[in-house]
């Protein structure tokens, strides 16, 4: 063990390892929303490579309305980026740059998450490139009010994030992707939010294939509860209301696929064509029942 290693405690060694392994995949994002303007004149954020051939993940709000996008990696190279697709409902977007052999952070369903576990955020707050911050996972399946629509199924954590961190990765102690940092509450301390990797795992392929996520719409608000998605509210005149779904129902299956979390329902609805009837499996007052429901196209 070197003298430098001896100077680091166990916690520090974990964070340093994450910074060394994940940091090279994280880029700063500069955008312009005007036809004739310098890059970075209208906004900035973070992104990370999710493939070695130039695909990057960021937030939809970071690149919203952008005419020009440029990314800069820790090696100092600037690259022009194209927006492949965006999904405002999850606040995710994909960028593409001309590159090969990039350090990258794979997108995959994460290991089981437990409040209290160490998290590390990497991004570019206030233009300070490659900033590392650490904290703990506080909670899962949070809902956060947004400027245009609420964001659902978020991770809440205590790793300090600031403007410019949006789009950067949140990783665990071994450098595995946990989510994409999306927001913080300015009036609070130690409260940050991230879109979970589980959401990325089904949004990213759809953005690559179609440039957007086409969803069926049921008209229910749900939250993860005891092995399913608990219905908190049913919209009037919605497919769910027409089918007889009720507040308090526990959705445990849709179209033959199991629902364990509220994000599962969002995933299956993204794979359910509008206008095609599917069977929802529901627990109501501990009685299992099957309900036919026909989603419509999400607006």
Protein backbone atom coordinates (compact mmCIF):
# COMPACT_ATOMS: atom_id res chain seq x y z
CA UNK A 1 0.00 0.00 0.00
CA UNK A 2 1.38 3.42 -0.96
CA UNK A 3 1.63 6.33 1.46
CA UNK A 4 -1.09 8.03 -0.55
CA UNK A 5 -3.40 5.03 -0.02
CA UNK A 6 -2.59 5.01 3.68
CA UNK A 7 -3.74 8.63 3.91
CA UNK A 8 -7.21 7.68 2.70
CA UNK A 9 -9.82 6.16 4.95
CA UNK A 10 -12.22 3.51 3.64
CA UNK A 11 -14.89 6.07 2.72
CA UNK A 12 -12.42 8.23 0.81
CA UNK A 13 -11.04 5.23 -1.09
CA UNK A 14 -14.55 4.37 -2.28
CA UNK A 15 -15.22 7.89 -3.56
CA UNK A 16 -11.79 8.17 -5.18
CA UNK A 17 -12.32 4.83 -6.94
CA UNK A 18 -15.68 5.98 -8.26
CA UNK A 19 -14.22 9.27 -9.46
CA UNK A 20 -11.40 7.47 -11.27
CA UNK A 21 -13.62 4.88 -12.96
CA UNK A 22 -16.77 6.89 -13.75
CA UNK A 23 -15.43 10.42 -14.13
CA UNK A 24 -13.92 9.95 -17.63
CA UNK A 25 -17.40 9.08 -19.01
CA UNK A 26 -18.99 12.33 -17.80
CA UNK A 27 -19.16 15.38 -20.06
CA UNK A 28 -20.27 18.98 -19.72
CA UNK A 29 -23.04 20.17 -22.06
CA UNK A 30 -23.29 23.65 -23.56
CA UNK A 31 -26.28 24.71 -25.66
CA UNK A 32 -27.54 27.59 -27.76
CA UNK A 33 -31.23 28.08 -28.55
CA UNK A 34 -30.60 30.80 -31.13
CA UNK A 35 -29.64 30.50 -34.78
CA UNK A 36 -26.58 32.70 -34.38
CA UNK A 37 -25.12 32.42 -30.92
CA UNK A 38 -22.07 31.06 -29.22
CA UNK A 39 -22.34 27.64 -27.61
CA UNK A 40 -23.22 27.86 -23.96
CA UNK A 41 -25.00 31.19 -24.34
CA UNK A 42 -28.36 29.76 -23.33
CA UNK A 43 -27.73 26.86 -20.98
CA UNK A 44 -25.47 24.21 -19.58
CA UNK A 45 -25.66 20.84 -17.90
CA UNK A 46 -24.05 17.44 -17.74
CA UNK A 47 -24.19 14.17 -19.67
CA UNK A 48 -22.49 10.79 -19.65
CA UNK A 49 -21.58 8.30 -22.35
CA UNK A 50 -23.68 5.14 -22.17
CA UNK A 51 -22.01 3.44 -25.15
CA UNK A 52 -18.42 3.59 -26.43
CA UNK A 53 -19.55 4.79 -29.87
CA UNK A 54 -20.87 8.22 -28.92
CA UNK A 55 -24.33 7.89 -27.32
CA UNK A 56 -24.80 10.10 -24.27
CA UNK A 57 -27.57 10.45 -21.70
CA UNK A 58 -28.69 13.81 -20.34
CA UNK A 59 -31.90 15.51 -19.20
CA UNK A 60 -34.59 16.61 -21.63
CA UNK A 61 -34.76 20.02 -19.96
CA UNK A 62 -31.03 20.55 -20.52
CA UNK A 63 -31.40 20.40 -24.32
CA UNK A 64 -34.96 21.69 -24.65
CA UNK A 65 -35.19 24.00 -27.67
CA UNK A 66 -31.48 23.70 -28.45
CA UNK A 67 -30.28 24.57 -31.95
CA UNK A 68 -26.67 23.76 -31.15
CA UNK A 69 -25.27 21.36 -28.57
CA UNK A 70 -21.63 20.83 -27.68
CA UNK A 71 -20.12 18.46 -25.13
CA UNK A 72 -16.71 18.51 -23.51
CA UNK A 73 -15.15 15.42 -21.98
CA UNK A 74 -12.56 15.45 -19.18
CA UNK A 75 -9.80 15.00 -21.78
CA UNK A 76 -10.58 18.55 -22.92
CA UNK A 77 -11.95 17.65 -26.34
CA UNK A 78 -15.07 19.50 -27.54
CA UNK A 79 -17.51 17.64 -29.77
CA UNK A 80 -20.62 18.80 -31.59
CA UNK A 81 -23.65 16.73 -30.49
CA UNK A 82 -26.97 15.96 -32.12
CA UNK A 83 -30.14 15.38 -30.11
CA UNK A 84 -31.30 11.82 -30.89
CA UNK A 85 -34.52 12.01 -28.91
CA UNK A 86 -36.19 13.35 -25.79
CA UNK A 87 -38.81 12.13 -23.34
CA UNK A 88 -40.10 15.06 -21.26
CA UNK A 89 -42.27 12.74 -19.15
CA UNK A 90 -39.13 11.21 -17.60
CA UNK A 91 -36.90 14.23 -18.35
CA UNK A 92 -34.45 12.08 -20.30
CA UNK A 93 -32.69 12.77 -23.59
CA UNK A 94 -30.07 11.11 -25.79
CA UNK A 95 -27.24 12.83 -27.62
CA UNK A 96 -24.94 11.52 -30.32
CA UNK A 97 -21.35 12.56 -31.02
CA UNK A 98 -18.86 11.33 -33.59
CA UNK A 99 -16.55 9.22 -31.45
CA UNK A 100 -15.33 5.70 -30.81
CA UNK A 101 -13.76 4.06 -27.80
CA UNK A 102 -15.28 6.43 -25.27
CA UNK A 103 -15.18 5.57 -21.56
CA UNK A 104 -18.82 4.78 -20.81
CA UNK A 105 -21.27 3.86 -18.09
CA UNK A 106 -23.62 1.03 -19.12
CA UNK A 107 -27.36 1.45 -18.65
CA UNK A 108 -28.90 -1.54 -16.91
CA UNK A 109 -31.44 -2.31 -14.21
CA UNK A 110 -29.66 -1.56 -10.93
CA UNK A 111 -29.05 -3.82 -8.00
CA UNK A 112 -31.65 -3.62 -5.22
CA UNK A 113 -31.63 -0.15 -3.69
CA UNK A 114 -31.70 0.48 0.05
CA UNK A 115 -32.09 3.84 1.78
CA UNK A 116 -28.85 4.67 3.54
CA UNK A 117 -26.46 3.27 0.94
CA UNK A 118 -23.65 5.47 -0.34
CA UNK A 119 -24.25 7.43 -3.55
CA UNK A 120 -21.85 9.55 -5.61
CA UNK A 121 -22.90 12.28 -8.05
CA UNK A 122 -20.65 13.55 -10.83
CA UNK A 123 -21.41 16.64 -12.90
CA UNK A 124 -20.54 20.21 -13.74
CA UNK A 125 -22.28 22.53 -11.25
CA UNK A 126 -21.97 26.23 -12.08
CA UNK A 127 -19.51 25.33 -14.85
CA UNK A 128 -17.00 23.60 -12.55
CA UNK A 129 -16.18 20.52 -14.62
CA UNK A 130 -15.97 17.01 -13.16
CA UNK A 131 -17.23 17.87 -9.68
CA UNK A 132 -17.66 14.93 -7.29
CA UNK A 133 -20.13 14.90 -4.40
CA UNK A 134 -21.23 12.08 -2.13
CA UNK A 135 -24.17 11.31 0.14
CA UNK A 136 -26.69 8.59 0.85
CA UNK A 137 -29.83 7.34 -0.81
CA UNK A 138 -32.70 8.80 1.20
CA UNK A 139 -35.77 7.28 -0.47
CA UNK A 140 -37.16 5.81 -3.69
CA UNK A 141 -40.33 6.37 -5.72
CA UNK A 142 -40.61 10.09 -5.00
CA UNK A 143 -42.75 12.49 -7.02
CA UNK A 144 -41.50 16.02 -7.70
CA UNK A 145 -43.53 18.88 -9.13
CA UNK A 146 -42.01 20.15 -12.38
CA UNK A 147 -42.36 23.34 -14.39
CA UNK A 148 -44.64 21.59 -16.92
CA UNK A 149 -45.55 18.27 -15.35
CA UNK A 150 -44.63 16.23 -12.28
CA UNK A 151 -41.78 13.73 -12.40
CA UNK A 152 -42.56 10.36 -10.87
CA UNK A 153 -40.58 7.39 -9.47
CA UNK A 154 -37.50 9.45 -8.59
CA UNK A 155 -34.66 8.58 -6.25
CA UNK A 156 -34.08 11.05 -3.42
CA UNK A 157 -30.53 11.46 -2.13
CA UNK A 158 -28.26 13.76 -0.15
CA UNK A 159 -25.30 14.16 -2.54
CA UNK A 160 -25.10 17.93 -3.10
CA UNK A 161 -26.19 18.93 -6.60
CA UNK A 162 -26.52 22.39 -8.11
CA UNK A 163 -27.43 24.00 -11.45
CA UNK A 164 -25.25 22.29 -14.05
CA UNK A 165 -25.40 18.88 -12.37
CA UNK A 166 -28.57 18.02 -14.32
CA UNK A 167 -27.92 15.07 -16.63
CA UNK A 168 -24.93 13.75 -14.71
CA UNK A 169 -24.84 10.22 -13.27
CA UNK A 170 -25.64 9.05 -9.77
CA UNK A 171 -23.68 5.87 -8.99
CA UNK A 172 -23.21 3.45 -6.11
CA UNK A 173 -20.05 2.63 -4.18
CA UNK A 174 -18.84 0.31 -6.95
CA UNK A 175 -19.48 2.79 -9.75
CA UNK A 176 -22.66 1.13 -11.03
CA UNK A 177 -25.27 3.49 -12.46
CA UNK A 178 -28.14 4.24 -10.10
CA UNK A 179 -29.74 7.14 -11.92
CA UNK A 180 -29.48 10.50 -13.66
CA UNK A 181 -29.47 13.61 -11.51
CA UNK A 182 -32.41 15.74 -12.49
CA UNK A 183 -33.24 18.33 -9.84
CA UNK A 184 -32.69 19.81 -6.43
CA UNK A 185 -34.86 21.86 -4.11
CA UNK A 186 -33.21 25.27 -3.89
CA UNK A 187 -34.78 26.18 -0.55
CA UNK A 188 -33.70 22.95 1.14
CA UNK A 189 -30.36 21.43 2.07
CA UNK A 190 -29.30 17.92 1.17
CA UNK A 191 -32.29 17.04 -1.01
CA UNK A 192 -31.50 15.95 -4.57
CA UNK A 193 -33.40 13.80 -7.04
CA UNK A 194 -32.44 11.40 -9.82
CA UNK A 195 -34.28 9.44 -12.50
CA UNK A 196 -33.59 5.77 -11.61
CA UNK A 197 -31.54 3.51 -13.87
CA UNK A 198 -34.54 1.19 -14.06
CA UNK A 199 -36.36 3.93 -15.99
CA UNK A 200 -33.35 4.51 -18.25
CA UNK A 201 -33.21 0.82 -19.13
CA UNK A 202 -36.50 1.02 -21.05
CA UNK A 203 -36.51 4.69 -22.14
CA UNK A 204 -33.07 4.65 -23.79
CA UNK A 205 -33.82 1.86 -26.31
CA UNK A 206 -37.02 3.63 -27.38
CA UNK A 207 -35.24 6.94 -27.87
CA UNK A 208 -32.61 5.18 -29.96
CA UNK A 209 -35.25 3.49 -32.11
CA UNK A 210 -37.93 6.16 -32.41
CA UNK A 211 -36.58 9.39 -30.95
CA UNK A 212 -39.47 9.43 -28.47
CA UNK A 213 -41.49 7.19 -26.18
CA UNK A 214 -45.00 6.33 -27.40
CA UNK A 215 -47.21 5.51 -24.44
CA UNK A 216 -50.63 4.13 -23.83
CA UNK A 217 -52.64 6.12 -21.30
CA UNK A 218 -54.82 4.70 -18.52
CA UNK A 219 -55.55 7.76 -16.42
CA UNK A 220 -54.35 6.62 -12.99
CA UNK A 221 -51.87 7.99 -10.46
CA UNK A 222 -49.98 5.21 -8.69
CA UNK A 223 -47.26 4.58 -6.12
CA UNK A 224 -45.28 1.45 -5.26
CA UNK A 225 -46.95 -0.38 -2.39
CA UNK A 226 -46.54 -3.97 -1.12
CA UNK A 227 -45.65 -5.72 -4.35
CA UNK A 228 -47.64 -3.68 -6.83
CA UNK A 229 -48.76 -0.24 -7.97
CA UNK A 230 -51.36 1.27 -5.63
CA UNK A 231 -53.94 3.47 -7.36
CA UNK A 232 -54.04 6.87 -5.67
CA UNK A 233 -56.43 8.54 -8.09
CA UNK A 234 -58.46 7.75 -11.22
CA UNK A 235 -59.08 10.52 -13.75
CA UNK A 236 -62.62 11.18 -14.85
CA UNK A 237 -63.59 9.98 -18.33
CA UNK A 238 -60.32 8.02 -18.59
CA UNK A 239 -59.85 4.43 -19.81
CA UNK A 240 -59.26 3.38 -16.19
CA UNK A 241 -62.53 4.96 -15.07
CA UNK A 242 -64.43 3.35 -17.96
CA UNK A 243 -62.98 -0.04 -17.03
CA UNK A 244 -63.99 0.30 -13.39
CA UNK A 245 -60.59 0.74 -11.74
CA UNK A 246 -60.89 2.39 -8.34
CA UNK A 247 -58.79 4.36 -5.91
CA UNK A 248 -57.11 1.90 -3.56
CA UNK A 249 -56.83 -0.92 -6.10
CA UNK A 250 -53.43 -2.63 -6.18
CA UNK A 251 -52.31 -3.30 -9.76
CA UNK A 252 -50.16 -6.44 -9.82
CA UNK A 253 -50.26 -7.31 -13.52
CA UNK A 254 -50.94 -5.88 -16.96
CA UNK A 255 -51.23 -7.85 -20.17
CA UNK A 256 -49.76 -10.93 -18.53
CA UNK A 257 -46.71 -9.07 -17.18
CA UNK A 258 -46.14 -8.70 -13.47
CA UNK A 259 -46.21 -5.30 -11.79
CA UNK A 260 -43.98 -5.03 -8.72
CA UNK A 261 -43.30 -1.29 -8.71
CA UNK A 262 -45.01 1.79 -10.07
CA UNK A 263 -42.20 2.09 -12.63
CA UNK A 264 -43.18 -1.34 -13.99
CA UNK A 265 -46.60 0.07 -14.87
CA UNK A 266 -44.97 3.00 -16.67
CA UNK A 267 -42.73 0.58 -18.57
CA UNK A 268 -45.56 -1.71 -19.62
CA UNK A 269 -47.72 1.24 -20.72
CA UNK A 270 -44.87 2.36 -22.96
CA UNK A 271 -45.01 -1.08 -24.57
CA UNK A 272 -48.82 -1.24 -24.84
CA UNK A 273 -50.22 0.06 -28.14
CA UNK A 274 -53.11 2.52 -27.72
CA UNK A 275 -56.49 1.14 -28.73
CA UNK A 276 -55.72 -2.48 -27.83
CA UNK A 277 -57.54 -4.00 -24.85
CA UNK A 278 -55.32 -5.53 -22.15
CA UNK A 279 -56.13 -7.34 -18.93
CA UNK A 280 -55.24 -5.61 -15.68
CA UNK A 281 -54.81 -7.89 -12.66
CA UNK A 282 -56.02 -6.12 -9.54
CA UNK A 283 -56.17 -6.84 -5.82
CA UNK A 284 -59.23 -5.12 -4.35
CA UNK A 285 -60.00 -5.74 -0.67
CA UNK A 286 -57.63 -8.74 -0.86
CA UNK A 287 -59.70 -10.25 -3.70
CA UNK A 288 -57.88 -10.87 -6.99
CA UNK A 289 -59.82 -9.79 -10.07
CA UNK A 290 -59.19 -9.29 -13.80
CA UNK A 291 -60.31 -6.09 -15.52
CA UNK A 292 -60.20 -5.40 -19.26
CA UNK A 293 -58.99 -1.89 -20.06
CA UNK A 294 -58.25 -0.20 -23.39
CA UNK A 295 -55.54 2.48 -23.22
CA UNK A 296 -55.71 5.54 -25.43
CA UNK A 297 -52.73 7.44 -26.88
CA UNK A 298 -51.00 9.60 -24.30
CA UNK A 299 -51.10 13.28 -25.10
